[in-house]
């Protein structure tokens, strides 16, 4: 599934492909609850991304697959 993550102080979203978006969101909620500084996400291709936990503003889940991983321009 395609997962877009809004990050404060960034003009663009993180746009990644994950196997289970619900598991990623649940892991974020646990990290925030536990006071973890970094939140780590493993995308479908196996790459790990770290985001400062308190900088995450929102998650947007799309069923469509993106053409790439990383920052994408706003359309």
Protein backbone atom coordinates (compact mmCIF):
# COMPACT_ATOMS: atom_id res chain seq x y z
CA UNK A 1 0.00 0.00 0.00
CA UNK A 2 1.07 3.55 -0.62
CA UNK A 3 1.62 5.54 2.58
CA UNK A 4 2.16 9.29 2.58
CA UNK A 5 3.55 10.91 5.72
CA UNK A 6 3.36 14.62 6.46
CA UNK A 7 6.40 15.90 8.32
CA UNK A 8 6.54 19.30 10.04
CA UNK A 9 9.03 21.83 8.68
CA UNK A 10 9.10 19.94 5.34
CA UNK A 11 7.37 21.24 2.21
CA UNK A 12 6.84 17.75 0.79
CA UNK A 13 5.49 14.44 2.08
CA UNK A 14 7.34 11.18 2.45
CA UNK A 15 5.72 8.87 -0.10
CA UNK A 16 6.53 5.20 0.43
CA UNK A 17 5.24 1.72 -0.37
CA UNK A 18 4.61 -0.52 2.66
CA UNK A 19 3.26 -4.04 3.01
CA UNK A 20 0.88 -3.20 5.89
CA UNK A 21 -0.05 0.43 6.53
CA UNK A 22 -2.10 -0.46 9.62
CA UNK A 23 0.97 -2.07 11.21
CA UNK A 24 3.09 1.01 10.44
CA UNK A 25 0.50 3.34 11.99
CA UNK A 26 0.16 1.09 15.07
CA UNK A 27 3.97 1.03 15.45
CA UNK A 28 4.03 4.84 15.23
CA UNK A 29 1.34 5.15 17.89
CA UNK A 30 3.35 2.86 20.19
CA UNK A 31 6.59 4.79 19.53
CA UNK A 32 4.85 8.10 20.31
CA UNK A 33 3.26 6.63 23.44
CA UNK A 34 6.63 5.26 24.63
CA UNK A 35 8.36 8.61 24.01
CA UNK A 36 10.73 7.23 21.34
CA UNK A 37 12.71 9.98 19.59
CA UNK A 38 12.94 8.18 16.23
CA UNK A 39 10.26 6.20 14.41
CA UNK A 40 11.62 3.61 11.96
CA UNK A 41 9.64 2.39 8.94
CA UNK A 42 10.58 -0.49 6.65
CA UNK A 43 9.25 0.00 3.15
CA UNK A 44 8.35 -2.85 0.80
CA UNK A 45 11.76 -2.97 -0.90
CA UNK A 46 13.46 -3.43 2.49
CA UNK A 47 14.83 0.10 2.91
CA UNK A 48 14.53 1.51 6.45
CA UNK A 49 13.57 5.15 6.97
CA UNK A 50 13.86 7.03 10.25
CA UNK A 51 11.68 10.03 11.09
CA UNK A 52 11.74 12.10 14.28
CA UNK A 53 8.58 10.93 16.06
CA UNK A 54 7.29 14.33 17.16
CA UNK A 55 7.69 15.78 13.62
CA UNK A 56 5.08 13.47 12.06
CA UNK A 57 1.88 15.40 11.36
CA UNK A 58 -0.30 12.88 9.50
CA UNK A 59 -0.53 9.61 7.59
CA UNK A 60 -2.50 9.23 4.34
CA UNK A 61 -3.13 5.71 3.03
CA UNK A 62 -3.80 4.97 -0.66
CA UNK A 63 -4.39 1.56 -2.20
CA UNK A 64 -2.63 2.57 -5.45
CA UNK A 65 1.09 1.88 -5.79
CA UNK A 66 3.45 4.83 -6.40
CA UNK A 67 6.06 4.80 -9.15
CA UNK A 68 8.92 5.46 -6.69
CA UNK A 69 9.94 5.98 -3.09
CA UNK A 70 10.93 9.25 -1.48
CA UNK A 71 9.85 12.84 -1.62
CA UNK A 72 7.35 13.68 -4.37
CA UNK A 73 6.27 17.10 -5.63
CA UNK A 74 2.79 18.31 -4.70
CA UNK A 75 0.43 18.06 -7.67
